[in-house]
Amino acid sequence: MDSYIIEWLNLVVRWIHVITGIAWIGASFFFNWLDSQLTPPENPEPKVEGELWMIHSGGFYQLEKTMISPSEIPRVLHWFKWEAYSTWISGIFLLGIVYYTGSGVYLIDSQIADLSYGMAISISLGSILAGWLVYDFLWASSLGEKGWLPVIISFVLLFGIIWWFHQWFGSRAAYIHVGAVMGTLMVGNVWRRIIPSQTKLVEAVKAGKTPEASLGIKAKQRSIHNNYMTLPVVFIMISNHFPNTFAHQMNWMILIAIIVIGATVRHFFNLKNKGHLNIWILPLAMAAIFALIFVSKPAESIKSSSDSATFGTEHIPFALVRTILDQRCVSCHSITPTDEVFRTAPKGIMFDNDKRVKALASLIKTQAVSTMAMPLGNKTGISLEERIILGRWIEEGASIE
């Protein structure tokens, strides 16, 4: 497909995905907060469990949580499901647009695994589907009622699939596929467990029967799972802009740490909503983030300053840098790219102009030297020596004289 069309599809579908994701996660956050803020009604009624007064957009809102008795169903009942469905559908389309087009250029990294295009897509879709089937089987079985045991098993399986994707795909694709698995678990919970349970509750009330309490309990369990996955999934959605994470040599361990930290922060807010202010959790999470920043600092062996034995103290001329850029980078990052996949410069970054190269020096160091995230899959064959030259030139002041 023409890269111009793909670029526009990427933009439009990504826009839809972000909007629907905000609606879905926003509704999740709101209802978790809402449940924790309900107070006994001023004028007690048998069916009213709690009420809440709010002020917004120039008016007052009164909300009541009612335990509906048999045969009582409101005339208009709002369901919250299309936000989840729309987010997942747009996300799968976006996965296809970014990672399945262009012969899988963003998906396949021959330095990690020499996959065919068909095999890569099969592993991608098969792993997403398998992730949901295993997770749902675990929590639908009697094992799902064994306290912390299924939680521990779930974390082990999640960490396993993080490692699994990093054995097959490029690091950026591996991160996004972990997000795709978690997003599929979340929408699967809504589609296959939460909405069916709520449907049965409504049908029981319409039939004049007393709803089964277990239906609400199971739906709430999956809703809590979704609640804890929100912050890690949001991080993964934005991670492709930060190669210090996905392109690091310990990338899969960094992702595990981020998921644990995100779930811990979510736990703090869940406890806070219940009236338990465990303020120590936030400093602990911040300390973990700072520790992660320190631990994930690029190794000195990657930096140009570490190879003085090879290059001595001689000045790196810009002509040498220009040659490396022309041979390894300009095929994509140019006003007129010659790459067979990218017909427009990715992210609008172009190295045709020398002054522009100097302005982008810090970005070049991050992408090509510190993290070695670029060239993508090293498709142009840049050597470690050439990366060191680029780094040395930047450390010397990135002169273009």
Protein backbone atom coordinates (compact mmCIF):
# COMPACT_ATOMS: atom_id res chain seq x y z
CA MET A 1 0.00 0.00 0.00
CA ASP A 2 1.22 3.51 -0.77
CA SER A 3 3.16 4.91 2.23
CA TYR A 4 1.21 8.17 1.97
CA ILE A 5 -2.07 6.30 2.54
CA ILE A 6 -0.53 4.24 5.35
CA GLU A 7 0.67 7.42 7.07
CA TRP A 8 -2.84 8.91 7.01
CA LEU A 9 -4.42 5.65 8.17
CA ASN A 10 -1.89 5.53 11.01
CA LEU A 11 -2.83 9.05 12.07
CA VAL A 12 -6.61 8.64 11.85
CA VAL A 13 -6.78 5.21 13.51
CA ARG A 14 -4.31 6.29 16.23
CA TRP A 15 -6.51 9.35 16.88
CA ILE A 16 -9.59 7.13 17.24
CA HIS A 17 -7.67 4.69 19.44
CA VAL A 18 -6.54 7.44 21.84
CA ILE A 19 -10.01 9.02 22.05
CA THR A 20 -11.81 5.73 22.73
CA GLY A 21 -9.06 4.69 25.15
CA ILE A 22 -9.54 7.92 27.12
CA ALA A 23 -13.29 7.27 27.22
CA TRP A 24 -12.81 3.66 28.42
CA ILE A 25 -10.13 4.29 31.02
CA GLY A 26 -11.83 7.50 32.14
CA ALA A 27 -15.08 5.62 32.77
CA SER A 28 -13.15 2.95 34.71
CA PHE A 29 -11.45 5.54 36.91
CA PHE A 30 -14.71 7.43 37.43
CA PHE A 31 -16.74 4.42 38.56
CA ASN A 32 -13.99 3.22 40.90
CA TRP A 33 -13.92 6.68 42.47
CA LEU A 34 -17.71 6.84 42.48
CA ASP A 35 -18.12 3.61 44.45
CA SER A 36 -15.74 4.90 47.10
CA GLN A 37 -17.47 8.28 47.51
CA LEU A 38 -21.06 7.11 48.03
CA THR A 39 -22.57 8.10 51.38
CA PRO A 40 -25.79 6.97 53.09
CA PRO A 41 -28.75 9.00 51.75
CA GLU A 42 -30.02 11.91 53.86
CA ASN A 43 -33.52 10.51 53.50
CA PRO A 44 -33.02 6.75 53.83
CA GLU A 45 -34.85 4.55 51.33
CA PRO A 46 -34.89 0.72 51.42
CA LYS A 47 -33.48 0.27 47.92
CA VAL A 48 -30.88 3.08 47.93
CA GLU A 49 -27.40 1.88 48.89
CA GLY A 50 -25.74 5.29 48.69
CA GLU A 51 -25.84 8.71 47.07
CA LEU A 52 -23.46 11.37 45.81
CA TRP A 53 -23.85 15.07 45.04
CA MET A 54 -21.54 16.66 42.46
CA ILE A 55 -21.17 20.06 40.84
CA HIS A 56 -19.94 20.36 37.26
CA SER A 57 -20.56 22.40 34.11
CA GLY A 58 -22.68 24.97 35.90
CA GLY A 59 -25.09 22.58 37.60
CA PHE A 60 -25.63 20.08 40.42
CA TYR A 61 -25.85 16.33 39.90
CA GLN A 62 -27.46 13.91 42.34
CA LEU A 63 -26.56 10.26 41.86
CA GLU A 64 -28.00 7.26 43.69
CA LYS A 65 -26.76 3.67 43.68
CA THR A 66 -29.84 1.47 43.85
CA MET A 67 -30.19 -2.22 44.56
CA ILE A 68 -32.96 -3.00 42.09
CA SER A 69 -35.60 -5.40 43.34
CA PRO A 70 -37.10 -8.11 41.05
CA SER A 71 -39.30 -6.83 38.17
CA GLU A 72 -37.92 -3.27 38.43
CA ILE A 73 -35.85 -2.10 35.48
CA PRO A 74 -35.47 1.59 34.56
CA ARG A 75 -36.91 2.70 31.23
CA VAL A 76 -33.46 3.84 30.04
CA LEU A 77 -30.43 1.84 31.18
CA HIS A 78 -26.98 2.96 30.04
CA TRP A 79 -24.34 0.31 29.36
CA PHE A 80 -20.61 0.96 29.32
CA LYS A 81 -19.12 -1.38 26.74
CA TRP A 82 -18.65 0.34 23.40
CA GLU A 83 -15.71 2.36 24.73
CA ALA A 84 -13.88 -0.91 25.39
CA TYR A 85 -14.85 -2.53 22.09
CA SER A 86 -13.92 0.56 20.05
CA THR A 87 -10.55 0.87 21.78
CA TRP A 88 -9.64 -2.76 21.05
CA ILE A 89 -10.89 -2.74 17.45
CA SER A 90 -8.99 0.47 16.63
CA GLY A 91 -5.93 -0.92 18.46
CA ILE A 92 -5.91 -4.10 16.38
CA PHE A 93 -6.26 -2.05 13.19
CA LEU A 94 -3.39 0.15 14.35
CA LEU A 95 -1.27 -2.93 15.10
CA GLY A 96 -1.86 -4.08 11.53
CA ILE A 97 -1.15 -0.67 10.00
CA VAL A 98 2.13 -0.14 11.86
CA TYR A 99 3.52 -3.67 12.21
CA TYR A 100 2.00 -5.77 9.41
CA THR A 101 2.48 -3.36 6.50
CA GLY A 102 5.79 -2.73 4.74
CA SER A 103 6.67 -6.45 4.93
CA GLY A 104 6.77 -6.17 8.73
CA VAL A 105 9.65 -3.70 8.85
CA TYR A 106 8.71 -2.59 12.39
CA LEU A 107 7.93 -6.15 13.46
CA ILE A 108 10.87 -8.23 12.24
CA ASP A 109 14.42 -7.69 13.42
CA SER A 110 16.72 -10.23 11.76
CA GLN A 111 19.33 -9.65 14.48
CA ILE A 112 16.86 -11.08 17.01
CA ALA A 113 15.06 -13.75 14.95
CA ASP A 114 15.22 -14.36 11.21
CA LEU A 115 11.46 -14.74 10.67
CA SER A 116 9.47 -14.81 7.48
CA TYR A 117 6.68 -12.25 7.15
CA GLY A 118 3.97 -14.90 7.53
CA MET A 119 5.61 -16.52 10.55
CA ALA A 120 5.99 -13.16 12.31
CA ILE A 121 2.30 -12.32 11.90
CA SER A 122 1.30 -15.84 12.99
CA ILE A 123 3.35 -15.50 16.20
CA SER A 124 1.85 -12.04 16.75
CA LEU A 125 -1.82 -12.98 16.41
CA GLY A 126 -1.39 -16.45 17.89
CA SER A 127 0.27 -15.12 21.04
CA ILE A 128 -2.44 -12.50 21.57
CA LEU A 129 -5.18 -15.12 21.25
CA ALA A 130 -3.33 -17.65 23.42
CA GLY A 131 -2.79 -15.01 26.09
CA TRP A 132 -6.53 -14.47 26.47
CA LEU A 133 -7.40 -18.19 26.40
CA VAL A 134 -4.87 -19.10 29.11
CA TYR A 135 -5.78 -16.13 31.31
CA ASP A 136 -9.54 -16.71 31.01
CA PHE A 137 -9.19 -20.44 31.67
CA LEU A 138 -7.15 -19.73 34.80
CA TRP A 139 -9.61 -17.27 36.31
CA ALA A 140 -12.77 -19.10 35.21
CA SER A 141 -11.55 -22.33 36.82
CA SER A 142 -11.72 -23.19 40.51
CA LEU A 143 -8.10 -22.03 40.77
CA GLY A 144 -9.34 -18.47 40.26
CA GLU A 145 -10.87 -18.60 43.73
CA LYS A 146 -7.66 -19.56 45.56
CA GLY A 147 -6.70 -16.15 46.91
CA TRP A 148 -3.23 -14.91 45.93
CA LEU A 149 -2.22 -18.08 44.05
CA PRO A 150 -3.88 -17.16 40.71
CA VAL A 151 -2.52 -13.61 41.06
CA ILE A 152 1.03 -14.95 41.38
CA ILE A 153 0.49 -17.35 38.48
CA SER A 154 -0.89 -14.49 36.35
CA PHE A 155 2.16 -12.34 37.02
CA VAL A 156 4.52 -15.22 36.17
CA LEU A 157 2.64 -15.84 32.90
CA LEU A 158 2.71 -12.13 32.06
CA PHE A 159 6.44 -11.92 32.71
CA GLY A 160 6.85 -15.03 30.57
CA ILE A 161 5.05 -13.51 27.61
CA ILE A 162 7.13 -10.33 27.95
CA TRP A 163 10.27 -12.47 27.63
CA TRP A 164 8.66 -14.48 24.80
CA PHE A 165 7.98 -11.47 22.58
CA HIS A 166 11.54 -10.21 23.05
CA GLN A 167 12.85 -13.50 21.65
CA TRP A 168 11.01 -13.01 18.35
CA PHE A 169 10.33 -9.35 17.55
CA GLY A 170 12.14 -6.05 17.40
CA SER A 171 12.20 -4.43 20.84
CA ARG A 172 9.68 -1.71 19.97
CA ALA A 173 7.28 -4.30 18.55
CA ALA A 174 7.78 -6.54 21.59
CA TYR A 175 6.62 -3.76 23.94
CA ILE A 176 3.55 -2.99 21.84
CA HIS A 177 2.61 -6.67 21.63
CA VAL A 178 2.67 -6.96 25.42
CA GLY A 179 0.27 -4.01 25.43
CA ALA A 180 -1.87 -5.76 22.81
CA VAL A 181 -2.09 -8.88 24.99
CA MET A 182 -3.03 -6.87 28.09
CA GLY A 183 -5.54 -4.80 26.12
CA THR A 184 -7.07 -8.01 24.77
CA LEU A 185 -7.38 -9.38 28.32
CA MET A 186 -9.15 -6.18 29.34
CA VAL A 187 -11.64 -6.13 26.46
CA GLY A 188 -12.12 -9.88 26.76
CA ASN A 189 -13.10 -9.34 30.38
CA VAL A 190 -15.70 -6.80 29.30
CA TRP A 191 -17.01 -8.78 26.31
CA ARG A 192 -16.95 -12.33 27.67
CA ARG A 193 -17.39 -11.88 31.42
CA ILE A 194 -18.58 -8.48 32.66
CA ILE A 195 -21.29 -7.69 30.09
CA PRO A 196 -22.71 -11.28 30.03
CA SER A 197 -22.93 -11.24 33.84
CA GLN A 198 -24.72 -7.90 33.79
CA THR A 199 -27.03 -9.15 31.05
CA LYS A 200 -28.01 -12.15 33.19
CA LEU A 201 -28.66 -9.84 36.14
CA VAL A 202 -31.00 -7.69 34.06
CA GLU A 203 -32.77 -10.74 32.60
CA ALA A 204 -33.30 -12.17 36.09
CA VAL A 205 -34.86 -8.93 37.29
CA LYS A 206 -37.14 -8.77 34.24
CA ALA A 207 -38.25 -12.35 34.91
CA GLY A 208 -39.03 -11.53 38.51
CA LYS A 209 -36.25 -13.74 39.84
CA THR A 210 -33.60 -12.94 42.41
CA PRO A 211 -30.26 -12.45 40.58
CA GLU A 212 -27.40 -14.76 41.48
CA ALA A 213 -24.91 -12.94 43.71
CA SER A 214 -22.04 -14.85 42.06
CA LEU A 215 -22.66 -13.04 38.77
CA GLY A 216 -21.88 -9.68 40.28
CA ILE A 217 -18.88 -11.05 42.18
CA LYS A 218 -17.29 -12.53 39.03
CA ALA A 219 -17.93 -9.37 37.01
CA LYS A 220 -16.38 -7.24 39.77
CA GLN A 221 -13.32 -9.51 39.88
CA ARG A 222 -12.60 -8.98 36.18
CA SER A 223 -13.32 -5.26 36.51
CA ILE A 224 -10.66 -5.04 39.24
CA HIS A 225 -8.19 -6.85 36.96
CA ASN A 226 -8.83 -4.24 34.26
CA ASN A 227 -8.37 -1.46 36.79
CA TYR A 228 -4.86 -2.65 37.69
CA MET A 229 -3.84 -3.06 34.05
CA THR A 230 -4.75 0.48 32.98
CA LEU A 231 -1.57 2.35 33.99
CA PRO A 232 0.86 -0.26 32.55
CA VAL A 233 -1.11 -0.34 29.27
CA VAL A 234 -1.06 3.47 29.00
CA PHE A 235 2.72 3.41 29.48
CA ILE A 236 3.11 0.83 26.72
CA MET A 237 0.95 2.96 24.41
CA ILE A 238 3.45 5.83 24.64
CA SER A 239 6.64 3.74 25.03
CA ASN A 240 7.55 3.72 21.33
CA HIS A 241 8.65 7.36 21.71
CA PHE A 242 11.27 6.46 24.32
CA PRO A 243 14.03 4.11 23.11
CA ASN A 244 15.78 4.35 26.48
CA THR A 245 13.24 1.74 27.57
CA PHE A 246 12.42 -0.56 24.65
CA ALA A 247 15.88 -0.43 23.02
CA HIS A 248 17.83 -1.05 26.22
CA GLN A 249 19.75 -4.32 26.58
CA MET A 250 17.54 -5.11 29.61
CA ASN A 251 14.35 -3.99 27.83
CA TRP A 252 12.13 -6.86 28.94
CA MET A 253 13.20 -6.45 32.57
CA ILE A 254 12.53 -2.71 32.38
CA LEU A 255 9.02 -3.41 31.12
CA ILE A 256 8.38 -5.84 33.99
CA ALA A 257 9.51 -3.16 36.45
CA ILE A 258 7.27 -0.53 34.84
CA ILE A 259 4.24 -2.86 34.98
CA VAL A 260 4.83 -3.60 38.68
CA ILE A 261 5.31 0.10 39.48
CA GLY A 262 2.19 1.08 37.50
CA ALA A 263 0.06 -1.56 39.23
CA THR A 264 1.42 -0.43 42.61
CA VAL A 265 0.44 3.19 41.96
CA ARG A 266 -3.02 2.03 40.89
CA HIS A 267 -3.22 0.06 44.16
CA PHE A 268 -2.50 3.26 46.12
CA PHE A 269 -5.43 5.05 44.50
CA ASN A 270 -7.71 2.05 44.98
CA LEU A 271 -6.87 1.99 48.69
CA LYS A 272 -7.27 5.78 48.90
CA ASN A 273 -10.73 5.52 47.34
CA LYS A 274 -11.65 3.09 50.14
CA GLY A 275 -10.45 5.51 52.80
CA HIS A 276 -7.06 3.88 53.42
CA LEU A 277 -4.36 6.49 52.85
CA ASN A 278 -1.17 4.44 52.55
CA ILE A 279 0.88 7.46 51.58
CA TRP A 280 4.15 5.48 51.79
CA ILE A 281 3.28 3.68 48.54
CA LEU A 282 3.84 6.76 46.33
CA PRO A 283 7.37 7.56 47.63
CA LEU A 284 8.19 3.87 47.22
CA ALA A 285 6.98 3.95 43.61
CA MET A 286 8.95 7.15 42.92
CA ALA A 287 12.07 5.61 44.46
CA ALA A 288 11.59 2.58 42.19
CA ILE A 289 11.34 4.87 39.14
CA PHE A 290 14.56 6.69 40.07
CA ALA A 291 16.28 3.36 40.70
CA LEU A 292 15.13 2.18 37.28
CA ILE A 293 16.48 5.34 35.66
CA PHE A 294 19.86 4.73 37.31
CA VAL A 295 20.00 1.01 36.51
CA SER A 296 18.94 1.47 32.87
CA LYS A 297 21.59 4.09 32.12
CA PRO A 298 23.33 3.06 28.86
CA ALA A 299 26.49 1.04 29.43
CA GLU A 300 29.76 2.92 29.06
CA SER A 301 30.91 0.41 26.44
CA ILE A 302 28.34 1.84 24.03
CA LYS A 303 29.52 5.41 24.47
CA SER A 304 32.15 6.87 22.21
CA SER A 305 34.32 8.07 25.10
CA SER A 306 35.03 4.47 26.05
CA ASP A 307 36.87 3.68 22.86
CA SER A 308 39.73 6.14 23.12
CA ALA A 309 42.15 3.27 22.55
CA THR A 310 40.85 2.91 19.02
CA PHE A 311 40.41 6.55 18.08
CA GLY A 312 42.87 8.26 20.41
CA THR A 313 42.24 11.97 20.88
CA GLU A 314 42.03 12.89 17.21
CA HIS A 315 39.26 15.25 16.14
CA ILE A 316 36.29 13.69 14.32
CA PRO A 317 35.72 15.67 11.11
CA PHE A 318 32.15 16.40 10.07
CA ALA A 319 32.93 15.04 6.58
CA LEU A 320 33.24 11.56 8.15
CA VAL A 321 29.97 12.02 10.03
CA ARG A 322 28.29 13.21 6.85
CA THR A 323 29.43 10.06 5.05
CA ILE A 324 28.01 7.82 7.77
CA LEU A 325 24.68 9.67 7.74
CA ASP A 326 24.46 9.46 3.95
CA GLN A 327 25.20 5.72 3.93
CA ARG A 328 23.19 4.63 6.98
CA CYS A 329 20.43 7.17 7.66
CA VAL A 330 19.49 9.32 4.67
CA SER A 331 17.82 6.47 2.78
CA CYS A 332 14.87 7.03 5.17
CA HIS A 333 15.53 10.41 6.79
CA SER A 334 15.54 12.60 3.71
CA ILE A 335 13.29 14.93 1.75
CA THR A 336 13.28 12.25 -0.94
CA PRO A 337 13.82 8.84 0.77
CA THR A 338 15.10 5.97 -1.36
CA ASP A 339 14.03 3.23 1.09
CA GLU A 340 11.58 0.71 -0.36
CA VAL A 341 9.20 1.07 2.61
CA PHE A 342 9.45 4.66 3.83
CA ARG A 343 8.46 7.11 1.11
CA THR A 344 8.29 10.00 3.56
CA ALA A 345 10.81 10.66 6.33
CA PRO A 346 9.75 8.90 9.58
CA LYS A 347 8.58 11.45 12.16
CA GLY A 348 9.53 14.18 9.69
CA ILE A 349 13.23 13.87 10.65
CA MET A 350 15.56 14.72 7.76
CA PHE A 351 19.34 14.85 7.55
CA ASP A 352 19.75 16.52 4.15
CA ASN A 353 20.73 19.86 5.68
CA ASP A 354 23.93 20.10 7.75
CA LYS A 355 22.53 22.71 10.12
CA ARG A 356 19.55 20.45 10.72
CA VAL A 357 21.94 17.58 11.53
CA LYS A 358 23.65 19.74 14.17
CA ALA A 359 20.27 20.71 15.67
CA LEU A 360 19.30 17.03 15.90
CA ALA A 361 22.63 15.92 17.41
CA SER A 362 21.20 14.96 20.81
CA LEU A 363 18.45 12.90 19.13
CA ILE A 364 21.04 11.16 16.94
CA LYS A 365 23.04 10.27 20.05
CA THR A 366 20.00 8.82 21.82
CA GLN A 367 18.72 6.83 18.85
CA ALA A 368 21.93 5.70 17.13
CA VAL A 369 24.59 5.69 19.86
CA SER A 370 23.20 5.28 23.39
CA THR A 371 20.29 2.94 22.67
CA MET A 372 21.26 1.78 19.16
CA ALA A 373 17.54 1.79 18.30
CA MET A 374 18.27 3.19 14.85
CA PRO A 375 18.62 2.33 12.03
CA LEU A 376 15.48 0.28 12.43
CA GLY A 377 16.53 -3.38 12.69
CA ASN A 378 19.93 -2.08 11.54
CA LYS A 379 18.70 -2.56 8.00
CA THR A 380 21.49 -0.34 6.61
CA GLY A 381 24.24 -2.22 8.46
CA ILE A 382 25.73 0.51 10.61
CA SER A 383 28.77 -0.75 12.52
CA LEU A 384 29.66 -0.21 16.18
CA GLU A 385 32.69 1.79 15.03
CA GLU A 386 30.42 4.14 13.07
CA ARG A 387 28.17 4.60 16.10
CA ILE A 388 31.23 5.46 18.19
CA ILE A 389 32.32 8.04 15.61
CA LEU A 390 28.89 9.69 15.73
CA GLY A 391 29.03 9.77 19.53
CA ARG A 392 32.54 11.22 19.60
CA TRP A 393 31.55 13.93 17.12
CA ILE A 394 28.56 14.92 19.27
CA GLU A 395 30.63 14.96 22.49
CA GLU A 396 33.13 17.23 20.79
CA GLY A 397 30.38 19.79 20.20
CA ALA A 398 28.75 18.55 16.95
CA SER A 399 30.66 21.02 14.81
CA ILE A 400 29.74 21.16 11.12
CA GLU A 401 32.71 23.34 10.16
